[in-house]
Amino acid sequence: EEVVGADEFLWLEEVEGDKCLEWVRAQNKLSCGEYEQTQRFTELHARILSILDSDERIPHIAKRAQYVYNFWQDKKNERGLWRRTSFDAYRAGGLHGEHAVAWETVLDLDELSARDGVEWVWHGSSFLPHSYERCLVSLSRGGADADVTFEFDAVRKRFVPQEEGGFHVPESKGSASWVDEDTLLVSCSTLGATDSGYPRGVRVWRRGEKLEEAVEVFAGEQSDVSVSGWKSFRRHHEHMMVRRSITFYTSEYHLLTPPADPASRSGFSLARIAVQDDADVSVWRGWLLVELRSDWPLGGRVFAQGSLVAVRLGPFQAGEDVVAGGHVHALFTPTPRTALEGFSATRRSLVLNILDNVRSSVRRVWLDEEEGAGAAAEAAAVRPACEVWRDVPFEGLPEFASISVSPFEALESDELLLTITDFVTPTTLSFVGAEDGAPLEPLKALPSFFDASQLDISQHEATSLDGTRIPYFQVSTRGASGARPTVIEAYGGFEISMTPYYSATKGAAWVERGATYVLANIR
């Protein structure tokens, strides 16, 4: 192979080297010296700064019992407020906050930090279903990975003291999950860590016990990434599960069954869920939900990589031929141009977020009510799986948008919250009722930061050297033709797809002025 002369600019590869940084500063000085003297720069700088300094945000919510909860930070509340109000009050506040919402403070992290002398950072809350009166609040010191978990009384708005039997997980990496009002599943790195520094085991911790005395029900290997445990609280179908994360992309899943005597400290049993170890697994209303990262041969069928497969849990764990018995159904099967971006569960349905040629679409898959109702479920189990699932597409969603879906109150209702945005439309949070075909009700929206009235979004394809068609989005002035200044943005790593998003700065500084923006979906 012919060798060309040495690269005289190789020193630029030393991105933090003195010579490299000195060159960068010199080039910046040349560019800034030219552009900063113009009136256009001064105006644009002021406009972009006002956008970046904007306090406009959507207060996202999660419903628990009669309240919707929100965690909020602003200049006055640097560490944040955990607060709540009624959904009616939230809804009445208006799309752009035209009316004040009467929020009730549940926990003030700035006050707590000042009292404790610790810069507490919010790491989330987990309520005890289905009463929603007690929760586990996780806080970290200064934003560290490790956190401290406290039991919190949401009725009296106070932490439950340890001397009153309150749960308190000391600072560690790990998790804590409710089993019932007096029991937790805890994985805690301070009680045994893997080589990666995460918990190696799961314990059942009963109120009144010391944490180190809690019964260990599962222990992984020292070389694992982590081990965690949790309980699914679906009515009539409650299951405890353990996940052993062997590597970043491989795991084992086990069902954990308690002893017949609730007071017993022994007799916990584990049953491995025999799926391939690169699959993601969850249990919902008596069904095993399996997301496949590779093809899954099962009972003479092969379910394709990227599928979401539902299998009746009882027959599968009993070793039955679930394909011949009609206990398995593919809820989603990919095509060369479609992929499952994720799914979420409500009380009676699964909501699938799908990318179709990198465009977001949403489908809802309903499970017959009989399938989740105790003894009635046994009678329903003789029906083929394909007959108990009903697929309903969402209608009326934008053509070129990014859509994320979250349950409004996952265990108790089938209502949804949809967050929708695209290149020319600010992010909007909408409510969707439980019935099929329910319209989107916009609840909150960010303001427009640039004039998009003359802009169009389109999608095109470029053909690579191997013949693969690569899609890309284009934002440009309606009716524009010929060569135009264009910014192209592209990314294609870690299985992350770049989808449409609202950029106030790109809109104000570029496309509003007649230039073109392109987002390319490279591999």
Protein backbone atom coordinates (compact mmCIF):
# COMPACT_ATOMS: atom_id res chain seq x y z
CA GLU A 1 0.00 0.00 0.00
CA GLU A 2 1.37 3.40 -0.95
CA VAL A 3 2.44 5.50 2.03
CA VAL A 4 1.90 9.24 1.76
CA GLY A 5 4.09 11.72 3.68
CA ALA A 6 3.76 12.13 7.42
CA ASP A 7 0.67 13.97 8.69
CA GLU A 8 1.91 17.42 9.64
CA PHE A 9 -1.26 18.03 11.71
CA LEU A 10 -1.03 14.88 13.81
CA TRP A 11 -0.41 17.02 16.89
CA LEU A 12 -4.08 18.09 16.71
CA GLU A 13 -5.00 14.58 17.92
CA GLU A 14 -3.71 15.58 21.36
CA VAL A 15 -6.95 17.36 22.14
CA GLU A 16 -5.78 18.53 25.58
CA GLY A 17 -2.17 19.23 24.57
CA ASP A 18 -0.83 22.77 25.07
CA LYS A 19 0.02 23.24 21.38
CA CYS A 20 -3.43 22.04 20.30
CA LEU A 21 -5.30 24.26 22.77
CA GLU A 22 -3.17 27.26 21.87
CA TRP A 23 -4.04 26.75 18.18
CA VAL A 24 -7.76 26.43 19.02
CA ARG A 25 -7.71 29.63 21.05
CA ALA A 26 -6.00 31.45 18.18
CA GLN A 27 -8.61 30.24 15.66
CA ASN A 28 -11.45 31.16 18.01
CA LYS A 29 -9.99 34.63 18.41
CA LEU A 30 -9.94 35.12 14.65
CA SER A 31 -13.54 33.95 14.22
CA CYS A 32 -14.94 35.79 17.25
CA GLY A 33 -13.08 38.94 16.30
CA GLU A 34 -14.86 38.97 12.94
CA TYR A 35 -18.35 37.89 13.96
CA GLU A 36 -18.73 39.67 17.29
CA GLN A 37 -18.42 43.06 15.60
CA THR A 38 -21.59 42.62 13.54
CA GLN A 39 -25.07 43.82 14.43
CA ARG A 40 -26.49 40.41 13.51
CA PHE A 41 -24.26 38.70 16.10
CA THR A 42 -25.31 41.15 18.82
CA GLU A 43 -29.00 40.60 18.13
CA LEU A 44 -28.67 36.85 17.81
CA HIS A 45 -26.57 36.57 20.96
CA ALA A 46 -29.20 38.46 22.98
CA ARG A 47 -32.01 36.34 21.56
CA ILE A 48 -30.31 33.00 22.19
CA LEU A 49 -29.34 34.09 25.68
CA SER A 50 -32.96 34.93 26.47
CA ILE A 51 -34.00 31.48 25.23
CA LEU A 52 -31.38 29.70 27.34
CA ASP A 53 -32.29 31.79 30.39
CA SER A 54 -36.00 31.05 30.02
CA ASP A 55 -37.74 29.57 33.05
CA GLU A 56 -40.44 27.96 30.90
CA ARG A 57 -40.82 24.26 31.74
CA ILE A 58 -43.61 21.72 31.95
CA PRO A 59 -44.38 20.45 35.46
CA HIS A 60 -44.65 16.72 34.70
CA ILE A 61 -46.88 14.69 36.99
CA ALA A 62 -47.62 11.20 38.30
CA LYS A 63 -50.96 10.37 39.91
CA ARG A 64 -51.05 8.64 43.27
CA ALA A 65 -54.49 8.25 44.94
CA GLN A 66 -56.25 11.66 44.94
CA TYR A 67 -53.14 13.68 44.10
CA VAL A 68 -50.81 14.36 41.21
CA TYR A 69 -47.19 14.70 42.35
CA ASN A 70 -44.40 16.77 40.81
CA PHE A 71 -40.78 17.46 41.66
CA TRP A 72 -39.86 21.07 40.87
CA GLN A 73 -36.65 23.09 40.85
CA ASP A 74 -36.17 26.79 40.10
CA LYS A 75 -34.00 29.72 41.21
CA LYS A 76 -35.80 29.95 44.54
CA ASN A 77 -35.82 26.19 45.13
CA GLU A 78 -32.37 25.10 44.00
CA ARG A 79 -32.49 21.63 45.54
CA GLY A 80 -36.19 21.26 44.78
CA LEU A 81 -39.74 20.88 46.05
CA TRP A 82 -41.68 17.64 46.06
CA ARG A 83 -45.25 18.86 45.81
CA ARG A 84 -48.78 17.79 44.97
CA THR A 85 -52.19 19.07 43.94
CA SER A 86 -55.42 17.65 42.55
CA PHE A 87 -55.63 16.76 38.88
CA ASP A 88 -58.55 19.15 38.48
CA ALA A 89 -56.43 22.01 39.84
CA TYR A 90 -53.51 21.05 37.59
CA ARG A 91 -55.77 20.89 34.56
CA ALA A 92 -57.38 24.26 35.42
CA GLY A 93 -53.97 25.94 35.47
CA GLY A 94 -54.11 26.35 31.71
CA LEU A 95 -51.95 25.24 28.81
CA HIS A 96 -49.31 27.89 29.44
CA GLY A 97 -49.86 28.44 33.16
CA GLU A 98 -52.42 31.19 32.68
CA HIS A 99 -53.82 30.48 36.14
CA ALA A 100 -51.88 29.77 39.32
CA VAL A 101 -51.99 26.20 40.60
CA ALA A 102 -52.24 25.74 44.36
CA TRP A 103 -49.41 23.29 45.02
CA GLU A 104 -49.04 21.72 48.45
CA THR A 105 -45.43 21.18 49.51
CA VAL A 106 -44.78 17.62 50.62
CA LEU A 107 -41.00 17.86 51.07
CA ASP A 108 -38.71 20.89 50.73
CA LEU A 109 -35.20 19.68 49.90
CA ASP A 110 -33.65 23.11 50.46
CA GLU A 111 -35.01 23.20 54.01
CA LEU A 112 -33.97 19.59 54.59
CA SER A 113 -30.46 20.25 53.25
CA ALA A 114 -30.05 23.30 55.51
CA ARG A 115 -31.27 21.32 58.53
CA ASP A 116 -29.05 18.30 57.88
CA GLY A 117 -26.02 20.16 56.56
CA VAL A 118 -26.13 17.94 53.45
CA GLU A 119 -26.72 18.96 49.83
CA TRP A 120 -29.47 16.44 49.21
CA VAL A 121 -30.29 15.56 45.59
CA TRP A 122 -33.63 13.99 44.69
CA HIS A 123 -33.41 10.39 43.43
CA GLY A 124 -37.14 9.60 43.39
CA SER A 125 -39.97 8.08 45.38
CA SER A 126 -41.77 4.73 45.41
CA PHE A 127 -45.25 4.49 46.94
CA LEU A 128 -46.75 1.44 48.61
CA PRO A 129 -49.61 0.30 46.35
CA HIS A 130 -52.59 0.53 46.63
CA SER A 131 -53.05 2.86 49.59
CA TYR A 132 -50.35 5.35 48.55
CA GLU A 133 -49.96 6.58 52.13
CA ARG A 134 -46.35 5.45 52.68
CA CYS A 135 -43.46 5.72 50.26
CA LEU A 136 -39.72 5.22 50.03
CA VAL A 137 -37.84 8.43 49.29
CA SER A 138 -34.29 8.16 47.90
CA LEU A 139 -31.82 11.04 48.26
CA SER A 140 -28.14 11.28 47.38
CA ARG A 141 -25.43 13.40 48.93
CA GLY A 142 -24.40 15.98 46.35
CA GLY A 143 -25.67 13.91 43.42
CA ALA A 144 -23.55 10.80 44.03
CA ASP A 145 -24.54 7.43 42.51
CA ALA A 146 -25.10 6.00 45.98
CA ASP A 147 -28.19 7.16 47.81
CA VAL A 148 -29.96 6.95 51.17
CA THR A 149 -33.53 5.63 51.29
CA PHE A 150 -36.01 6.76 53.95
CA GLU A 151 -39.57 5.67 54.68
CA PHE A 152 -41.87 8.67 54.31
CA ASP A 153 -45.43 9.21 55.57
CA ALA A 154 -47.23 11.06 52.75
CA VAL A 155 -50.29 11.72 54.93
CA ARG A 156 -48.40 13.46 57.75
CA LYS A 157 -45.67 14.67 55.36
CA ARG A 158 -42.75 13.48 57.46
CA PHE A 159 -40.04 10.85 57.52
CA VAL A 160 -40.91 7.86 59.70
CA PRO A 161 -38.26 7.80 62.49
CA GLN A 162 -36.26 4.60 62.96
CA GLU A 163 -37.30 4.55 66.62
CA GLU A 164 -40.90 4.20 65.37
CA GLY A 165 -39.90 1.30 63.14
CA GLY A 166 -39.35 3.35 59.99
CA PHE A 167 -37.26 1.80 57.23
CA HIS A 168 -33.90 3.48 56.60
CA VAL A 169 -31.44 2.10 54.06
CA PRO A 170 -28.00 3.64 54.68
CA GLU A 171 -25.98 5.19 51.87
CA SER A 172 -25.25 2.57 49.23
CA LYS A 173 -25.75 1.63 45.61
CA GLY A 174 -28.82 -0.53 45.19
CA SER A 175 -32.57 -0.42 45.53
CA ALA A 176 -35.48 -1.02 47.89
CA SER A 177 -38.93 -2.22 46.84
CA TRP A 178 -42.16 -2.72 48.79
CA VAL A 179 -43.45 -6.25 49.42
CA ASP A 180 -46.15 -5.15 51.85
CA GLU A 181 -46.55 -2.40 54.45
CA ASP A 182 -44.07 -4.12 56.79
CA THR A 183 -41.63 -5.75 54.33
CA LEU A 184 -39.10 -4.64 51.72
CA LEU A 185 -36.94 -6.35 49.12
CA VAL A 186 -33.53 -4.71 49.48
CA SER A 187 -30.34 -4.90 47.46
CA CYS A 188 -27.58 -2.96 49.16
CA SER A 189 -23.91 -2.69 48.16
CA THR A 190 -22.78 -2.18 51.77
CA LEU A 191 -23.94 -5.73 52.57
CA GLY A 192 -21.91 -7.25 49.73
CA ALA A 193 -20.81 -5.78 46.43
CA THR A 194 -19.81 -7.16 43.03
CA ASP A 195 -16.56 -6.26 41.33
CA SER A 196 -18.54 -3.46 39.65
CA GLY A 197 -19.43 -1.98 43.04
CA TYR A 198 -23.15 -2.79 42.90
CA PRO A 199 -25.22 -5.10 45.15
CA ARG A 200 -24.46 -8.80 44.95
CA GLY A 201 -27.53 -10.08 46.83
CA VAL A 202 -31.21 -9.50 47.64
CA ARG A 203 -32.67 -9.59 51.14
CA VAL A 204 -36.19 -9.70 52.57
CA TRP A 205 -36.27 -7.03 55.28
CA ARG A 206 -39.11 -7.08 57.79
CA ARG A 207 -40.03 -4.11 59.93
CA GLY A 208 -38.30 -4.24 63.30
CA GLU A 209 -35.26 -6.20 62.05
CA LYS A 210 -31.80 -4.78 61.65
CA LEU A 211 -30.91 -4.57 57.97
CA GLU A 212 -27.86 -6.81 58.36
CA GLU A 213 -30.12 -9.48 59.95
CA ALA A 214 -32.55 -9.54 57.00
CA VAL A 215 -32.77 -12.90 55.21
CA GLU A 216 -30.71 -13.11 52.04
CA VAL A 217 -32.83 -14.87 49.42
CA PHE A 218 -30.47 -14.61 46.46
CA ALA A 219 -26.74 -14.10 45.93
CA GLY A 220 -25.05 -13.57 42.59
CA GLU A 221 -21.46 -14.06 41.53
CA GLN A 222 -18.63 -11.70 42.41
CA SER A 223 -18.06 -11.05 38.69
CA ASP A 224 -21.70 -9.99 38.05
CA VAL A 225 -22.66 -6.38 37.43
CA SER A 226 -25.45 -6.31 40.01
CA VAL A 227 -28.43 -8.08 41.59
CA SER A 228 -31.84 -6.52 42.29
CA GLY A 229 -35.30 -7.56 43.43
CA TRP A 230 -38.81 -6.11 43.24
CA LYS A 231 -42.49 -6.99 43.45
CA SER A 232 -45.15 -6.58 40.76
CA PHE A 233 -48.39 -5.41 42.40
CA ARG A 234 -50.88 -6.16 39.63
CA ARG A 235 -54.21 -7.10 41.24
CA HIS A 236 -54.80 -10.88 41.36
CA HIS A 237 -51.30 -11.40 39.96
CA GLU A 238 -48.62 -10.35 42.42
CA HIS A 239 -45.11 -11.66 41.86
CA MET A 240 -41.72 -11.10 43.43
CA MET A 241 -38.79 -11.18 41.04
CA VAL A 242 -35.00 -11.21 41.19
CA ARG A 243 -32.71 -10.07 38.40
CA ARG A 244 -29.09 -11.14 38.22
CA SER A 245 -27.29 -8.80 35.77
CA ILE A 246 -24.39 -10.89 34.52
CA THR A 247 -23.12 -8.27 32.06
CA PHE A 248 -24.50 -5.02 30.73
CA TYR A 249 -26.62 -6.88 28.15
CA THR A 250 -27.20 -10.29 29.77
CA SER A 251 -29.31 -11.25 32.79
CA GLU A 252 -31.04 -14.07 34.60
CA TYR A 253 -34.58 -13.63 35.96
CA HIS A 254 -36.09 -15.62 38.83
CA LEU A 255 -39.52 -15.77 40.45
CA LEU A 256 -39.26 -15.56 44.23
CA THR A 257 -41.95 -17.36 46.23
CA PRO A 258 -42.33 -16.72 49.99
CA PRO A 259 -42.89 -19.53 52.52
CA ALA A 260 -46.44 -20.55 53.42
CA ASP A 261 -45.93 -19.16 56.92
CA PRO A 262 -45.53 -15.38 56.54
CA ALA A 263 -43.56 -15.25 59.80
CA SER A 264 -41.00 -17.81 58.67
CA ARG A 265 -37.44 -16.67 58.00
CA SER A 266 -36.75 -19.65 55.73
CA GLY A 267 -38.48 -21.49 52.92
CA PHE A 268 -38.17 -18.86 50.19
CA SER A 269 -37.94 -20.59 46.83
CA LEU A 270 -36.54 -19.43 43.50
CA ALA A 271 -37.61 -20.54 40.03
CA ARG A 272 -35.58 -19.38 37.09
CA ILE A 273 -37.46 -18.03 34.09
CA ALA A 274 -35.88 -20.02 31.26
CA VAL A 275 -35.43 -17.46 28.52
CA GLN A 276 -32.19 -16.58 26.76
CA ASP A 277 -30.02 -14.34 28.86
CA ASP A 278 -29.95 -11.38 26.45
CA ALA A 279 -33.74 -10.92 26.70
CA ASP A 280 -35.47 -8.34 28.90
CA VAL A 281 -38.22 -9.88 31.02
CA SER A 282 -41.17 -8.55 33.01
CA VAL A 283 -44.34 -10.11 34.45
CA TRP A 284 -47.75 -8.49 34.03
CA ARG A 285 -51.19 -9.88 34.96
CA GLY A 286 -50.07 -13.50 34.78
CA TRP A 287 -48.16 -13.06 31.52
CA LEU A 288 -44.45 -13.18 30.87
CA LEU A 289 -43.41 -10.29 28.59
CA VAL A 290 -40.16 -10.97 26.74
CA GLU A 291 -38.26 -8.37 24.69
CA LEU A 292 -35.84 -10.16 22.39
CA ARG A 293 -32.33 -9.03 21.52
CA SER A 294 -31.80 -12.21 19.47
CA ASP A 295 -34.03 -14.81 17.78
CA TRP A 296 -35.90 -17.08 20.23
CA PRO A 297 -36.64 -20.67 19.13
CA LEU A 298 -39.70 -21.84 21.07
CA GLY A 299 -41.85 -24.91 20.47
CA GLY A 300 -41.11 -25.18 16.77
CA ARG A 301 -41.47 -21.43 16.15
CA VAL A 302 -38.81 -18.77 15.99
CA PHE A 303 -39.65 -15.34 17.36
CA ALA A 304 -37.51 -12.70 15.68
CA GLN A 305 -34.94 -10.46 17.30
CA GLY A 306 -36.62 -7.21 18.35
CA SER A 307 -40.01 -8.84 19.04
CA LEU A 308 -42.16 -8.42 22.14
CA VAL A 309 -43.63 -11.81 23.04
CA ALA A 310 -46.34 -12.53 25.62
CA VAL A 311 -46.42 -16.00 27.23
CA ARG A 312 -48.79 -17.26 29.92
CA LEU A 313 -46.58 -17.52 32.97
CA GLY A 314 -48.13 -20.60 34.61
CA PRO A 315 -47.86 -22.99 31.65
CA PHE A 316 -44.40 -21.69 30.75
CA GLN A 317 -43.02 -22.23 34.24
CA ALA A 318 -44.66 -25.66 34.35
CA GLY A 319 -42.65 -26.70 31.29
CA GLU A 320 -45.64 -27.05 28.96
CA ASP A 321 -45.41 -26.64 25.21
CA VAL A 322 -46.78 -23.10 25.22
CA VAL A 323 -46.86 -22.85 21.43
CA ALA A 324 -48.94 -26.01 20.97
CA GLY A 325 -51.10 -25.04 23.93
CA GLY A 326 -51.92 -21.62 22.50
CA HIS A 327 -50.28 -19.76 25.39
CA VAL A 328 -47.95 -17.50 23.41
CA HIS A 329 -48.59 -14.43 21.26
CA ALA A 330 -46.23 -11.98 19.52
CA LEU A 331 -47.42 -8.51 20.51
CA PHE A 332 -44.88 -6.90 18.20
CA THR A 333 -42.74 -8.30 15.39
CA PRO A 334 -40.25 -5.95 13.72
CA THR A 335 -39.86 -5.37 10.01
CA PRO A 336 -36.78 -3.97 8.23
CA ARG A 337 -38.17 -0.47 8.88
CA THR A 338 -39.91 -0.81 12.28
CA ALA A 339 -38.57 -1.25 15.81
CA LEU A 340 -40.03 -1.32 19.30
CA GLU A 341 -38.75 1.74 21.14
CA GLY A 342 -40.36 0.70 24.42
CA PHE A 343 -43.63 -0.15 26.12
CA SER A 344 -45.50 0.72 29.30
CA ALA A 345 -48.30 -0.98 31.21
CA THR A 346 -51.60 0.35 32.51
CA ARG A 347 -54.19 -1.60 34.51
CA ARG A 348 -55.56 -3.55 31.52
CA SER A 349 -53.37 -2.68 28.56
CA LEU A 350 -49.86 -2.42 27.20
CA VAL A 351 -48.92 0.69 25.23
CA LEU A 352 -46.27 0.13 22.56
CA ASN A 353 -44.08 2.98 21.34
CA ILE A 354 -42.89 2.04 17.85
CA LEU A 355 -40.46 3.62 15.43
CA ASP A 356 -41.67 3.21 11.86
CA ASN A 357 -38.93 4.46 9.54
CA VAL A 358 -37.76 6.55 12.54
CA ARG A 359 -41.23 8.08 12.94
CA SER A 360 -42.96 7.60 16.30
CA SER A 361 -46.22 5.70 16.36
CA VAL A 362 -48.24 4.28 19.25
CA ARG A 363 -50.32 1.12 19.57
CA ARG A 364 -52.35 -0.04 22.52
CA VAL A 365 -52.80 -3.77 23.14
CA TRP A 366 -55.68 -4.66 25.47
CA LEU A 367 -55.89 -7.88 27.48
CA ASP A 368 -59.38 -9.29 28.09
CA GLU A 369 -60.63 -8.43 31.57
CA GLU A 370 -61.27 -12.12 32.28
CA GLU A 371 -57.54 -12.82 31.98
CA GLY A 372 -56.77 -10.92 35.17
CA ALA A 373 -59.64 -11.74 37.49
CA GLY A 374 -58.71 -14.57 39.82
CA ALA A 375 -60.69 -17.76 39.23
CA ALA A 376 -62.16 -16.38 36.01
CA ALA A 377 -58.64 -16.30 34.61
CA GLU A 378 -58.40 -20.08 34.87
CA ALA A 379 -61.42 -20.49 32.63
CA ALA A 380 -60.09 -17.90 30.21
CA ALA A 381 -56.75 -19.68 30.00
CA VAL A 382 -58.17 -22.31 27.64
CA ARG A 383 -58.62 -19.63 24.98
CA PRO A 384 -55.78 -19.21 22.47
CA ALA A 385 -53.52 -16.32 23.37
CA CYS A 386 -54.23 -14.56 20.08
CA GLU A 387 -57.91 -14.28 21.08
CA VAL A 388 -57.39 -12.54 24.41
CA TRP A 389 -55.25 -9.69 23.06
CA ARG A 390 -56.81 -6.82 21.10
CA ASP A 391 -54.62 -4.41 19.12
CA VAL A 392 -55.77 -0.79 18.70
CA PRO A 393 -53.63 1.84 16.92
CA PHE A 394 -53.62 5.45 18.12
CA GLU A 395 -55.12 7.85 15.60
CA GLY A 396 -54.55 11.55 15.07
CA LEU A 397 -50.89 11.73 16.15
CA PRO A 398 -48.46 14.05 14.31
CA GLU A 399 -46.66 12.59 11.29
CA PHE A 400 -43.13 13.73 12.18
CA ALA A 401 -42.95 13.75 15.96
CA SER A 402 -41.28 12.16 18.94
CA ILE A 403 -43.86 10.66 21.27
CA SER A 404 -43.31 9.26 24.74
CA VAL A 405 -46.07 7.56 26.70
CA SER A 406 -46.43 7.11 30.45
CA PRO A 407 -49.32 5.66 32.47
CA PHE A 408 -51.33 8.26 34.37
CA GLU A 409 -51.84 5.84 37.28
CA ALA A 410 -50.41 2.51 36.16
CA LEU A 411 -51.91 0.12 38.72
CA GLU A 412 -55.31 1.73 39.03
CA SER A 413 -56.42 3.03 35.61
CA ASP A 414 -55.89 2.90 31.85
CA GLU A 415 -55.48 6.63 31.35
CA LEU A 416 -52.30 7.93 29.75
CA LEU A 417 -50.01 10.93 29.51
CA LEU A 418 -48.39 11.62 26.11
CA THR A 419 -45.45 13.94 25.65
CA ILE A 420 -45.20 15.07 22.01
CA THR A 421 -42.71 17.28 20.22
CA ASP A 422 -41.32 17.87 16.73
CA PHE A 423 -38.96 20.26 14.96
CA VAL A 424 -41.47 23.13 14.76
CA THR A 425 -43.88 22.37 17.63
CA PRO A 426 -42.91 22.98 21.27
CA THR A 427 -43.23 20.08 23.69
CA THR A 428 -46.81 19.40 24.77
CA LEU A 429 -48.09 17.17 27.58
CA SER A 430 -51.51 15.66 26.85
CA PHE A 431 -53.99 13.49 28.72
CA VAL A 432 -55.71 10.52 27.06
CA GLY A 433 -58.74 8.80 28.57
CA ALA A 434 -59.11 5.05 29.04
CA GLU A 435 -61.57 4.39 26.22
CA ASP A 436 -60.57 3.50 22.65
CA GLY A 437 -60.36 6.55 20.42
CA ALA A 438 -60.21 8.99 23.32
CA PRO A 439 -58.96 12.38 22.07
CA LEU A 440 -55.75 14.02 23.21
CA GLU A 441 -56.41 16.74 25.78
CA PRO A 442 -53.44 19.13 25.90
CA LEU A 443 -52.61 19.92 29.53
CA LYS A 444 -49.38 21.90 29.41
CA ALA A 445 -47.15 23.19 26.61
CA LEU A 446 -43.96 25.15 26.23
CA PRO A 447 -44.19 28.46 24.37
CA SER A 448 -42.96 28.94 20.81
CA PHE A 449 -39.51 30.52 20.65
CA PHE A 450 -39.39 31.10 16.89
CA ASP A 451 -41.75 31.65 13.98
CA ALA A 452 -42.47 28.27 12.39
CA SER A 453 -45.43 29.37 10.28
CA GLN A 454 -43.44 29.14 7.02
CA LEU A 455 -41.54 25.95 7.86
CA ASP A 456 -42.15 22.43 6.64
CA ILE A 457 -40.87 19.06 7.89
CA SER A 458 -40.16 16.37 5.31
CA GLN A 459 -38.41 13.01 5.26
CA HIS A 460 -36.08 11.74 2.54
CA GLU A 461 -33.58 8.95 1.98
CA ALA A 462 -29.95 8.78 0.93
CA THR A 463 -28.55 5.55 -0.49
CA SER A 464 -25.27 4.33 0.98
CA LEU A 465 -22.56 2.55 -1.04
CA ASP A 466 -23.93 -0.87 -0.04
CA GLY A 467 -27.42 0.08 -1.22
CA THR A 468 -28.95 0.70 2.22
CA ARG A 469 -31.48 3.53 2.24
CA ILE A 470 -30.70 5.91 5.12
CA PRO A 471 -33.61 8.16 6.16
CA TYR A 472 -33.16 11.77 7.15
CA PHE A 473 -35.47 14.57 8.27
CA GLN A 474 -35.34 18.01 6.69
CA VAL A 475 -36.68 21.29 8.10
CA SER A 476 -36.82 24.12 5.58
CA THR A 477 -38.83 27.07 4.37
CA ARG A 478 -42.03 26.05 2.61
CA GLY A 479 -41.65 26.16 -1.16
CA ALA A 480 -37.90 26.78 -1.03
CA SER A 481 -35.84 25.42 -3.92
CA GLY A 482 -32.23 25.36 -5.00
CA ALA A 483 -29.08 25.28 -2.89
CA ARG A 484 -29.48 26.68 0.62
CA PRO A 485 -27.21 26.91 3.69
CA THR A 486 -27.66 23.60 5.54
CA VAL A 487 -26.62 22.21 8.90
CA ILE A 488 -26.52 18.40 9.05
CA GLU A 489 -26.61 16.61 12.40
CA ALA A 490 -26.14 12.84 12.62
CA TYR A 491 -25.62 10.13 15.22
CA GLY A 492 -25.78 6.36 15.07
CA GLY A 493 -24.34 4.62 18.13
CA PHE A 494 -25.45 2.58 21.15
CA GLU A 495 -28.78 1.65 19.52
CA ILE A 496 -29.96 5.24 19.97
CA SER A 497 -32.18 6.64 17.23
CA MET A 498 -32.22 10.40 16.64
CA THR A 499 -35.85 11.47 16.39
CA PRO A 500 -37.48 14.88 15.85
CA TYR A 501 -37.09 17.38 18.68
CA TYR A 502 -37.82 21.06 19.24
CA SER A 503 -34.66 23.18 19.36
CA ALA A 504 -35.48 26.79 20.16
CA THR A 505 -31.91 27.92 19.45
CA LYS A 506 -31.60 26.17 16.07
CA GLY A 507 -35.02 27.48 15.14
CA ALA A 508 -34.28 31.08 16.10
CA ALA A 509 -30.71 31.20 14.80
CA TRP A 510 -31.02 29.10 11.65
CA VAL A 511 -34.23 27.78 10.10
CA GLU A 512 -36.36 30.84 10.88
CA ARG A 513 -33.86 32.82 8.79
CA GLY A 514 -34.42 30.66 5.70
CA ALA A 515 -31.65 28.11 6.17
CA THR A 516 -32.16 24.34 6.21
CA TYR A 517 -31.64 21.85 9.04
CA VAL A 518 -31.16 18.11 8.43
CA LEU A 519 -31.17 15.29 11.00
CA ALA A 520 -29.67 12.15 9.47
CA ASN A 521 -30.32 8.68 10.92
CA ILE A 522 -26.96 7.09 10.25
CA ARG A 523 -26.10 3.55 11.35
